[in-house]
């Protein structure tokens, strides 16, 4: 019989896993490609509104082998949008769509500022639907996105730097490079 392959101590493996996780989380805050983000934004909006086919979240299973529990995603617009974006970005060759997803999942943070700092970039049409300016969508791709390794005292874990996104969107509207 051969000898078992030594994988290292538990503590060493845990340290390596934490380092990998830190890199994964850090990468989520990096700016993303603008054109790819605009594509992902359109997919996100259409899949969430059920205007396009999207993977059924009910079919996604996450198994906890240690706990003996299987989880399924709820069939809600957020999950449909996330699965559709992940699928489309992977088909387009994006191997790590998490940075795109993180920004899209924080769209509500920007919407909360529609009557505040970001008011110039939101317009309501006659039917009451809110339109988002293309400059704000582009600024979402490159604007500062904060990812904290631990929960911050304000309760947030990650999100946009609203002032930076507003400045980038304003510069785009003025025709300046950001």
N, C-alpha and C. Protein backbone atom coordinates (compact mmCIF):
# COMPACT_ATOMS: atom_id res chain seq x y z
N UNK A 1 0.82 -1.19 0.00
CA UNK A 1 0.00 0.00 0.00
C UNK A 1 0.86 1.25 0.00
N UNK A 2 0.41 2.22 -0.71
CA UNK A 2 1.14 3.48 -0.75
C UNK A 2 0.90 4.30 0.50
N UNK A 3 1.72 5.26 0.64
CA UNK A 3 1.61 6.13 1.80
C UNK A 3 0.61 7.25 1.49
N UNK A 4 -0.17 7.63 2.49
CA UNK A 4 -1.15 8.70 2.30
C UNK A 4 -0.44 10.01 2.04
N UNK A 5 -0.99 10.78 1.15
CA UNK A 5 -0.42 12.08 0.82
C UNK A 5 -0.66 13.05 1.98
N UNK A 6 0.37 13.66 2.48
CA UNK A 6 0.25 14.57 3.61
C UNK A 6 -0.20 15.93 3.10
N UNK A 7 -1.30 16.40 3.63
CA UNK A 7 -1.86 17.67 3.18
C UNK A 7 -1.49 18.83 4.10
N UNK A 8 -0.76 18.55 5.14
CA UNK A 8 -0.40 19.61 6.07
C UNK A 8 -1.35 19.63 7.25
N UNK A 9 -0.98 20.41 8.23
CA UNK A 9 -1.79 20.48 9.44
C UNK A 9 -3.10 21.20 9.16
N UNK A 10 -4.05 20.98 10.03
CA UNK A 10 -5.34 21.66 9.92
C UNK A 10 -5.13 23.17 9.95
N UNK A 11 -4.28 23.63 10.86
CA UNK A 11 -4.03 25.07 11.01
C UNK A 11 -3.42 25.66 9.74
N UNK A 12 -2.51 24.94 9.12
CA UNK A 12 -1.91 25.42 7.88
C UNK A 12 -2.96 25.51 6.77
N UNK A 13 -3.81 24.48 6.65
CA UNK A 13 -4.85 24.51 5.62
C UNK A 13 -5.85 25.63 5.88
N UNK A 14 -6.18 25.86 7.16
CA UNK A 14 -7.11 26.93 7.51
C UNK A 14 -6.50 28.29 7.16
N UNK A 15 -5.22 28.49 7.46
CA UNK A 15 -4.53 29.74 7.14
C UNK A 15 -4.53 29.98 5.64
N UNK A 16 -4.29 28.94 4.85
CA UNK A 16 -4.30 29.06 3.39
C UNK A 16 -5.70 29.40 2.89
N UNK A 17 -6.71 28.77 3.47
CA UNK A 17 -8.09 29.03 3.05
C UNK A 17 -8.50 30.47 3.36
N UNK A 18 -8.10 30.97 4.54
CA UNK A 18 -8.42 32.35 4.91
C UNK A 18 -7.73 33.33 3.96
N UNK A 19 -6.47 33.05 3.61
CA UNK A 19 -5.74 33.92 2.67
C UNK A 19 -6.42 33.93 1.31
N UNK A 20 -6.85 32.75 0.84
CA UNK A 20 -7.56 32.67 -0.44
C UNK A 20 -8.87 33.45 -0.39
N UNK A 21 -9.59 33.31 0.72
CA UNK A 21 -10.86 34.01 0.88
C UNK A 21 -10.63 35.51 0.88
N UNK A 22 -9.56 35.97 1.56
CA UNK A 22 -9.25 37.39 1.59
C UNK A 22 -8.99 37.93 0.19
N UNK A 23 -8.27 37.19 -0.62
CA UNK A 23 -7.99 37.59 -2.00
C UNK A 23 -9.29 37.63 -2.81
N UNK A 24 -10.14 36.65 -2.62
CA UNK A 24 -11.43 36.58 -3.32
C UNK A 24 -12.27 37.81 -2.97
N UNK A 25 -12.35 38.13 -1.68
CA UNK A 25 -13.15 39.28 -1.24
C UNK A 25 -12.53 40.57 -1.74
N UNK A 26 -11.20 40.71 -1.66
CA UNK A 26 -10.53 41.91 -2.13
C UNK A 26 -10.81 42.16 -3.62
N UNK A 27 -10.78 41.09 -4.39
CA UNK A 27 -11.01 41.21 -5.83
C UNK A 27 -12.42 41.69 -6.14
N UNK A 28 -13.35 41.45 -5.23
CA UNK A 28 -14.72 41.91 -5.46
C UNK A 28 -14.82 43.43 -5.49
N UNK A 29 -13.87 44.11 -4.89
CA UNK A 29 -13.90 45.57 -4.86
C UNK A 29 -13.20 46.24 -6.02
N UNK A 30 -12.55 45.45 -6.86
CA UNK A 30 -11.81 46.02 -8.00
C UNK A 30 -12.78 46.54 -9.07
N UNK A 31 -12.40 47.61 -9.79
CA UNK A 31 -13.23 48.08 -10.91
C UNK A 31 -13.38 46.95 -11.94
N UNK A 32 -14.48 47.00 -12.67
CA UNK A 32 -14.73 45.98 -13.68
C UNK A 32 -14.80 46.63 -15.06
N UNK A 33 -14.72 45.82 -16.08
CA UNK A 33 -14.78 46.30 -17.46
C UNK A 33 -16.13 46.96 -17.72
N UNK A 34 -16.11 48.19 -18.22
CA UNK A 34 -17.34 48.97 -18.41
C UNK A 34 -18.30 48.30 -19.39
N UNK A 35 -17.81 47.89 -20.55
CA UNK A 35 -18.70 47.30 -21.55
C UNK A 35 -19.31 45.98 -21.05
N UNK A 36 -18.50 45.18 -20.39
CA UNK A 36 -19.02 43.92 -19.83
C UNK A 36 -20.03 44.22 -18.74
N UNK A 37 -19.77 45.26 -17.94
CA UNK A 37 -20.71 45.61 -16.88
C UNK A 37 -22.04 46.08 -17.47
N UNK A 38 -21.99 46.89 -18.52
CA UNK A 38 -23.25 47.34 -19.14
C UNK A 38 -24.06 46.15 -19.65
N UNK A 39 -23.37 45.18 -20.24
CA UNK A 39 -24.04 43.96 -20.68
C UNK A 39 -24.66 43.24 -19.47
N UNK A 40 -23.89 43.09 -18.41
CA UNK A 40 -24.38 42.41 -17.20
C UNK A 40 -25.56 43.15 -16.59
N UNK A 41 -25.52 44.49 -16.64
CA UNK A 41 -26.60 45.31 -16.10
C UNK A 41 -27.91 45.04 -16.86
N UNK A 42 -27.83 44.97 -18.17
CA UNK A 42 -29.02 44.71 -18.99
C UNK A 42 -29.57 43.31 -18.69
N UNK A 43 -28.69 42.33 -18.58
CA UNK A 43 -29.12 40.97 -18.23
C UNK A 43 -29.78 40.98 -16.85
N UNK A 44 -29.15 41.64 -15.88
CA UNK A 44 -29.66 41.72 -14.51
C UNK A 44 -31.09 42.28 -14.50
N UNK A 45 -31.28 43.40 -15.17
CA UNK A 45 -32.59 44.06 -15.17
C UNK A 45 -33.64 43.21 -15.86
N UNK A 46 -33.30 42.63 -17.01
CA UNK A 46 -34.28 41.83 -17.75
C UNK A 46 -34.61 40.51 -17.06
N UNK A 47 -33.60 39.84 -16.51
CA UNK A 47 -33.87 38.57 -15.81
C UNK A 47 -34.66 38.82 -14.54
N UNK A 48 -34.32 39.88 -13.81
CA UNK A 48 -35.04 40.20 -12.58
C UNK A 48 -36.50 40.55 -12.84
N UNK A 49 -36.76 41.17 -13.99
CA UNK A 49 -38.13 41.53 -14.37
C UNK A 49 -38.84 40.41 -15.12
N UNK A 50 -38.14 39.29 -15.28
CA UNK A 50 -38.67 38.11 -15.97
C UNK A 50 -39.02 38.43 -17.42
N UNK A 51 -38.18 39.27 -18.05
CA UNK A 51 -38.35 39.59 -19.46
C UNK A 51 -37.43 38.76 -20.35
N UNK A 52 -36.74 37.83 -19.74
CA UNK A 52 -35.87 36.93 -20.50
C UNK A 52 -35.81 35.61 -19.74
N UNK A 53 -35.41 34.56 -20.43
CA UNK A 53 -35.30 33.29 -19.74
C UNK A 53 -34.08 33.35 -18.82
N UNK A 54 -34.20 32.70 -17.71
CA UNK A 54 -33.12 32.68 -16.71
C UNK A 54 -33.17 31.33 -16.01
N UNK A 55 -32.04 30.91 -15.47
CA UNK A 55 -32.04 29.65 -14.72
C UNK A 55 -33.03 29.73 -13.56
N UNK A 56 -33.68 28.63 -13.28
CA UNK A 56 -34.64 28.59 -12.19
C UNK A 56 -33.88 28.39 -10.87
N UNK A 57 -33.97 29.36 -9.95
CA UNK A 57 -33.25 29.23 -8.69
C UNK A 57 -33.64 27.98 -7.90
N UNK A 58 -34.88 27.51 -8.08
CA UNK A 58 -35.32 26.30 -7.37
C UNK A 58 -34.46 25.09 -7.71
N UNK A 59 -33.82 25.13 -8.87
CA UNK A 59 -33.02 23.99 -9.32
C UNK A 59 -31.60 24.00 -8.75
N UNK A 60 -31.23 25.10 -8.11
CA UNK A 60 -29.89 25.20 -7.53
C UNK A 60 -29.93 24.62 -6.12
N UNK A 61 -29.07 23.65 -5.89
CA UNK A 61 -29.00 23.01 -4.58
C UNK A 61 -27.62 23.22 -4.00
N UNK A 62 -27.58 23.55 -2.74
CA UNK A 62 -26.34 23.69 -2.00
C UNK A 62 -26.40 22.68 -0.87
N UNK A 63 -25.47 21.73 -0.91
CA UNK A 63 -25.49 20.67 0.10
C UNK A 63 -24.45 20.92 1.17
N UNK A 64 -24.90 20.86 2.40
CA UNK A 64 -24.02 20.92 3.56
C UNK A 64 -23.79 19.48 3.99
N UNK A 65 -22.68 18.92 3.53
CA UNK A 65 -22.42 17.50 3.78
C UNK A 65 -22.17 17.21 5.25
N UNK A 66 -21.58 18.18 5.96
CA UNK A 66 -21.33 17.96 7.38
C UNK A 66 -22.63 18.02 8.18
N UNK A 67 -23.49 18.96 7.84
CA UNK A 67 -24.74 19.12 8.56
C UNK A 67 -25.86 18.26 8.04
N UNK A 68 -25.66 17.66 6.86
CA UNK A 68 -26.68 16.82 6.27
C UNK A 68 -27.91 17.59 5.80
N UNK A 69 -27.71 18.84 5.39
CA UNK A 69 -28.82 19.70 4.98
C UNK A 69 -28.60 20.12 3.53
N UNK A 70 -29.69 20.20 2.78
CA UNK A 70 -29.64 20.71 1.41
C UNK A 70 -30.45 22.00 1.37
N UNK A 71 -29.85 23.03 0.79
CA UNK A 71 -30.52 24.32 0.65
C UNK A 71 -30.86 24.54 -0.81
N UNK A 72 -31.96 25.25 -1.03
CA UNK A 72 -32.35 25.65 -2.37
C UNK A 72 -32.55 27.16 -2.36
N UNK A 73 -32.21 27.80 -3.48
CA UNK A 73 -32.44 29.22 -3.60
C UNK A 73 -33.93 29.49 -3.81
N UNK A 74 -34.43 30.55 -3.22
CA UNK A 74 -35.82 30.95 -3.42
C UNK A 74 -35.96 31.50 -4.84
N UNK A 75 -37.11 31.28 -5.44
CA UNK A 75 -37.38 31.78 -6.78
C UNK A 75 -37.85 33.23 -6.67
N UNK A 76 -36.89 34.14 -6.54
CA UNK A 76 -37.17 35.57 -6.44
C UNK A 76 -36.35 36.30 -7.50
N UNK A 77 -36.75 37.51 -7.87
CA UNK A 77 -36.05 38.24 -8.93
C UNK A 77 -34.54 38.38 -8.70
N UNK A 78 -34.11 38.64 -7.49
CA UNK A 78 -32.69 38.79 -7.20
C UNK A 78 -31.91 37.52 -7.57
N UNK A 79 -32.43 36.37 -7.19
CA UNK A 79 -31.75 35.11 -7.50
C UNK A 79 -31.77 34.80 -8.99
N UNK A 80 -32.90 35.06 -9.65
CA UNK A 80 -32.97 34.84 -11.10
C UNK A 80 -31.96 35.74 -11.82
N UNK A 81 -31.90 37.00 -11.41
CA UNK A 81 -30.98 37.95 -12.04
C UNK A 81 -29.53 37.50 -11.83
N UNK A 82 -29.20 37.13 -10.61
CA UNK A 82 -27.84 36.71 -10.31
C UNK A 82 -27.41 35.47 -11.08
N UNK A 83 -28.30 34.50 -11.16
CA UNK A 83 -27.99 33.28 -11.92
C UNK A 83 -27.85 33.58 -13.41
N UNK A 84 -28.72 34.45 -13.94
CA UNK A 84 -28.65 34.79 -15.37
C UNK A 84 -27.35 35.53 -15.69
N UNK A 85 -26.98 36.48 -14.84
CA UNK A 85 -25.73 37.22 -15.07
C UNK A 85 -24.54 36.28 -15.00
N UNK A 86 -24.52 35.42 -13.99
CA UNK A 86 -23.42 34.46 -13.85
C UNK A 86 -23.30 33.59 -15.09
N UNK A 87 -24.42 33.08 -15.56
CA UNK A 87 -24.43 32.22 -16.74
C UNK A 87 -23.94 32.97 -17.97
N UNK A 88 -24.46 34.19 -18.19
CA UNK A 88 -24.09 34.96 -19.37
C UNK A 88 -22.61 35.40 -19.34
N UNK A 89 -22.14 35.82 -18.17
CA UNK A 89 -20.74 36.24 -18.08
C UNK A 89 -19.79 35.07 -18.28
N UNK A 90 -20.14 33.92 -17.74
CA UNK A 90 -19.28 32.75 -17.95
C UNK A 90 -19.25 32.36 -19.42
N UNK A 91 -20.41 32.45 -20.09
CA UNK A 91 -20.43 32.16 -21.52
C UNK A 91 -19.59 33.16 -22.30
N UNK A 92 -19.48 34.39 -21.77
CA UNK A 92 -18.68 35.43 -22.43
C UNK A 92 -17.20 35.34 -22.05
N UNK A 93 -16.86 34.36 -21.23
CA UNK A 93 -15.45 34.17 -20.87
C UNK A 93 -15.00 34.82 -19.58
N UNK A 94 -15.93 35.38 -18.82
CA UNK A 94 -15.57 35.96 -17.52
C UNK A 94 -15.57 34.83 -16.50
N UNK A 95 -14.40 34.53 -15.96
CA UNK A 95 -14.27 33.38 -15.07
C UNK A 95 -14.67 33.67 -13.63
N UNK A 96 -14.62 34.92 -13.23
CA UNK A 96 -14.96 35.28 -11.85
C UNK A 96 -15.96 36.45 -11.88
N UNK A 97 -17.24 36.14 -12.02
CA UNK A 97 -18.24 37.20 -12.14
C UNK A 97 -18.62 37.87 -10.82
N UNK A 98 -17.98 37.48 -9.71
CA UNK A 98 -18.38 37.98 -8.40
C UNK A 98 -18.28 39.50 -8.28
N UNK A 99 -17.26 40.11 -8.87
CA UNK A 99 -17.12 41.56 -8.78
C UNK A 99 -18.28 42.26 -9.49
N UNK A 100 -18.72 41.70 -10.60
CA UNK A 100 -19.88 42.25 -11.31
C UNK A 100 -21.13 42.07 -10.47
N UNK A 101 -21.31 40.88 -9.92
CA UNK A 101 -22.50 40.59 -9.12
C UNK A 101 -22.56 41.46 -7.87
N UNK A 102 -21.43 41.66 -7.22
CA UNK A 102 -21.41 42.48 -6.00
C UNK A 102 -21.92 43.88 -6.31
N UNK A 103 -21.46 44.45 -7.42
CA UNK A 103 -21.89 45.80 -7.79
C UNK A 103 -23.38 45.82 -8.15
N UNK A 104 -23.83 44.83 -8.89
CA UNK A 104 -25.24 44.78 -9.27
C UNK A 104 -26.15 44.58 -8.05
N UNK A 105 -25.70 43.77 -7.12
CA UNK A 105 -26.53 43.52 -5.93
C UNK A 105 -26.62 44.75 -5.03
N UNK A 106 -25.76 45.74 -5.25
CA UNK A 106 -25.82 46.96 -4.45
C UNK A 106 -26.45 48.12 -5.21
N UNK A 107 -27.14 47.82 -6.30
CA UNK A 107 -27.87 48.84 -7.04
C UNK A 107 -28.86 49.58 -6.14
N UNK A 108 -29.47 48.87 -5.20
CA UNK A 108 -30.44 49.51 -4.30
C UNK A 108 -29.80 50.61 -3.47
N UNK A 109 -28.52 50.48 -3.16
CA UNK A 109 -27.81 51.51 -2.41
C UNK A 109 -27.79 52.81 -3.22
N UNK A 110 -27.60 52.71 -4.52
CA UNK A 110 -27.61 53.89 -5.38
C UNK A 110 -29.04 54.42 -5.53
N UNK A 111 -29.99 53.52 -5.64
CA UNK A 111 -31.39 53.92 -5.77
C UNK A 111 -31.84 54.70 -4.53
N UNK A 112 -31.33 54.33 -3.37
CA UNK A 112 -31.67 55.04 -2.14
C UNK A 112 -31.24 56.50 -2.19
N UNK A 113 -30.32 56.83 -3.08
CA UNK A 113 -29.83 58.20 -3.24
C UNK A 113 -30.49 58.92 -4.42
N UNK A 114 -31.57 58.34 -4.96
CA UNK A 114 -32.19 58.93 -6.16
C UNK A 114 -32.78 60.32 -5.91
N UNK A 115 -33.08 60.62 -4.67
CA UNK A 115 -33.57 61.96 -4.34
C UNK A 115 -32.49 62.79 -3.65
N UNK A 116 -31.29 62.25 -3.58
CA UNK A 116 -30.18 62.92 -2.91
C UNK A 116 -29.06 63.22 -3.89
N UNK A 117 -27.88 62.78 -3.53
CA UNK A 117 -26.68 63.07 -4.31
C UNK A 117 -26.76 62.56 -5.75
N UNK A 118 -27.46 61.48 -5.97
CA UNK A 118 -27.53 60.89 -7.31
C UNK A 118 -28.79 61.29 -8.09
N UNK A 119 -29.52 62.27 -7.60
CA UNK A 119 -30.77 62.70 -8.25
C UNK A 119 -30.61 63.03 -9.73
N UNK A 120 -29.51 63.67 -10.16
CA UNK A 120 -29.39 63.99 -11.59
C UNK A 120 -29.35 62.77 -12.51
N UNK A 121 -29.12 61.59 -11.94
CA UNK A 121 -28.93 60.39 -12.76
C UNK A 121 -30.14 59.46 -12.77
N UNK A 122 -31.22 59.88 -12.11
CA UNK A 122 -32.46 59.11 -12.08
C UNK A 122 -33.59 59.98 -12.61
N UNK A 123 -34.38 59.43 -13.51
CA UNK A 123 -35.54 60.14 -14.05
C UNK A 123 -36.73 59.19 -14.06
N UNK A 124 -37.88 59.70 -13.63
CA UNK A 124 -39.11 58.89 -13.69
C UNK A 124 -39.83 59.22 -14.99
N UNK A 125 -40.34 58.18 -15.67
CA UNK A 125 -41.10 58.43 -16.89
C UNK A 125 -42.57 58.63 -16.53
N UNK A 126 -43.41 58.79 -17.54
CA UNK A 126 -44.82 59.06 -17.32
C UNK A 126 -45.53 57.92 -16.57
N UNK A 127 -45.04 56.70 -16.72
CA UNK A 127 -45.65 55.57 -16.05
C UNK A 127 -45.10 55.36 -14.63
N UNK A 128 -44.17 56.22 -14.22
CA UNK A 128 -43.59 56.10 -12.89
C UNK A 128 -42.38 55.17 -12.81
N UNK A 129 -42.00 54.59 -13.97
CA UNK A 129 -40.79 53.75 -13.96
C UNK A 129 -39.57 54.65 -13.88
N UNK A 130 -38.61 54.22 -13.11
CA UNK A 130 -37.40 55.02 -12.91
C UNK A 130 -36.35 54.61 -13.92
N UNK A 131 -35.83 55.59 -14.61
CA UNK A 131 -34.78 55.37 -15.59
C UNK A 131 -33.45 55.77 -14.97
N UNK A 132 -32.40 54.99 -15.25
CA UNK A 132 -31.07 55.27 -14.73
C UNK A 132 -30.20 55.72 -15.89
N UNK A 133 -29.48 56.80 -15.71
CA UNK A 133 -28.65 57.32 -16.80
C UNK A 133 -27.51 56.36 -17.10
N UNK A 134 -27.10 56.36 -18.37
CA UNK A 134 -26.00 55.48 -18.78
C UNK A 134 -24.70 55.89 -18.09
N UNK A 135 -24.55 57.17 -17.77
CA UNK A 135 -23.32 57.60 -17.08
C UNK A 135 -23.25 57.00 -15.67
N UNK A 136 -24.38 56.84 -15.02
CA UNK A 136 -24.38 56.21 -13.69
C UNK A 136 -24.06 54.73 -13.80
N UNK A 137 -24.58 54.07 -14.82
CA UNK A 137 -24.27 52.66 -15.02
C UNK A 137 -22.77 52.48 -15.26
N UNK A 138 -22.19 53.34 -16.09
CA UNK A 138 -20.74 53.26 -16.33
C UNK A 138 -19.96 53.54 -15.05
N UNK A 139 -20.41 54.51 -14.27
CA UNK A 139 -19.73 54.85 -13.02
C UNK A 139 -19.84 53.71 -12.01
N UNK A 140 -20.89 52.93 -12.09
CA UNK A 140 -21.02 51.76 -11.21
C UNK A 140 -19.90 50.76 -11.47
N UNK A 141 -19.46 50.68 -12.71
CA UNK A 141 -18.42 49.72 -13.08
C UNK A 141 -17.05 50.12 -12.55
N UNK A 142 -16.79 51.42 -12.53
CA UNK A 142 -15.44 51.88 -12.18
C UNK A 142 -15.38 52.61 -10.85
N UNK A 143 -16.53 52.95 -10.29
CA UNK A 143 -16.55 53.67 -9.02
C UNK A 143 -15.98 52.84 -7.88
N UNK A 144 -15.52 53.53 -6.86
CA UNK A 144 -14.94 52.85 -5.70
C UNK A 144 -16.01 51.98 -5.04
N UNK A 145 -15.65 50.73 -4.84
CA UNK A 145 -16.56 49.76 -4.20
C UNK A 145 -15.83 49.24 -2.97
N UNK A 146 -16.40 49.48 -1.83
CA UNK A 146 -15.75 49.16 -0.56
C UNK A 146 -16.12 47.74 -0.13
N UNK A 147 -15.10 46.97 0.16
CA UNK A 147 -15.29 45.62 0.68
C UNK A 147 -14.51 45.55 1.98
N UNK A 148 -15.22 45.39 3.06
CA UNK A 148 -14.57 45.30 4.36
C UNK A 148 -14.46 43.84 4.76
N UNK A 149 -13.31 43.44 5.29
CA UNK A 149 -13.15 42.03 5.68
C UNK A 149 -14.01 41.66 6.88
N UNK A 150 -14.41 42.62 7.67
CA UNK A 150 -15.28 42.35 8.81
C UNK A 150 -16.38 43.41 8.82
N UNK A 151 -17.46 43.11 9.53
CA UNK A 151 -18.55 44.07 9.61
C UNK A 151 -18.07 45.37 10.25
N UNK A 152 -18.47 46.46 9.67
CA UNK A 152 -18.10 47.79 10.13
C UNK A 152 -19.12 48.25 11.16
N UNK A 153 -18.77 49.26 11.97
CA UNK A 153 -19.69 49.71 13.01
C UNK A 153 -21.02 50.22 12.46
N UNK A 154 -21.06 50.64 11.20
CA UNK A 154 -22.33 51.10 10.64
C UNK A 154 -23.19 49.94 10.14
N UNK A 155 -22.71 48.72 10.33
CA UNK A 155 -23.50 47.54 9.96
C UNK A 155 -23.28 47.07 8.53
N UNK A 156 -22.57 47.86 7.73
CA UNK A 156 -22.39 47.47 6.33
C UNK A 156 -21.15 46.61 6.16
N UNK A 157 -21.19 45.76 5.21
CA UNK A 157 -20.05 44.90 4.91
C UNK A 157 -19.39 45.37 3.62
N UNK A 158 -20.18 45.74 2.66
CA UNK A 158 -19.63 46.23 1.39
C UNK A 158 -20.63 47.15 0.73
N UNK A 159 -20.13 47.97 -0.19
CA UNK A 159 -21.01 48.87 -0.91
C UNK A 159 -20.24 49.94 -1.65
N UNK A 160 -20.97 50.73 -2.41
CA UNK A 160 -20.38 51.80 -3.20
C UNK A 160 -19.96 52.98 -2.34
N UNK A 161 -18.93 53.67 -2.77
CA UNK A 161 -18.58 54.98 -2.23
C UNK A 161 -19.44 55.94 -3.07
N UNK A 162 -20.55 56.36 -2.51
CA UNK A 162 -21.55 57.14 -3.26
C UNK A 162 -20.93 58.41 -3.86
N UNK A 163 -20.11 59.09 -3.09
CA UNK A 163 -19.50 60.33 -3.58
C UNK A 163 -18.61 60.06 -4.79
N UNK A 164 -17.85 58.97 -4.76
CA UNK A 164 -16.98 58.63 -5.88
C UNK A 164 -17.80 58.28 -7.12
N UNK A 165 -18.85 57.51 -6.94
CA UNK A 165 -19.71 57.13 -8.07
C UNK A 165 -20.36 58.38 -8.66
N UNK A 166 -20.84 59.29 -7.80
CA UNK A 166 -21.46 60.53 -8.28
C UNK A 166 -20.46 61.37 -9.05
N UNK A 167 -19.23 61.47 -8.55
CA UNK A 167 -18.20 62.26 -9.23
C UNK A 167 -17.88 61.66 -10.60
N UNK A 168 -17.76 60.34 -10.67
CA UNK A 168 -17.46 59.68 -11.95
C UNK A 168 -18.62 59.85 -12.94
N UNK A 169 -19.86 59.71 -12.46
CA UNK A 169 -21.01 59.88 -13.35
C UNK A 169 -21.11 61.33 -13.84
N UNK A 170 -20.83 62.28 -12.96
CA UNK A 170 -20.85 63.70 -13.36
C UNK A 170 -19.78 63.97 -14.40
N UNK A 171 -18.58 63.43 -14.21
CA UNK A 171 -17.51 63.62 -15.17
C UNK A 171 -17.87 63.01 -16.53
N UNK A 172 -18.52 61.86 -16.51
CA UNK A 172 -18.95 61.24 -17.77
C UNK A 172 -19.99 62.11 -18.46
N UNK A 173 -20.93 62.67 -17.69
CA UNK A 173 -21.93 63.56 -18.28
C UNK A 173 -21.29 64.81 -18.89
N UNK A 174 -20.20 65.27 -18.25
CA UNK A 174 -19.52 66.47 -18.74
C UNK A 174 -18.54 66.15 -19.87
N UNK A 175 -18.41 64.85 -20.21
CA UNK A 175 -17.52 64.45 -21.29
C UNK A 175 -16.08 64.33 -20.88
N UNK A 176 -15.82 64.22 -19.59
CA UNK A 176 -14.44 64.09 -19.12
C UNK A 176 -14.12 62.63 -18.87
N UNK A 177 -12.88 62.28 -19.05
CA UNK A 177 -12.43 60.91 -18.75
C UNK A 177 -12.37 60.74 -17.24
N UNK A 178 -12.74 59.53 -16.78
CA UNK A 178 -12.68 59.27 -15.34
C UNK A 178 -11.54 58.34 -15.00
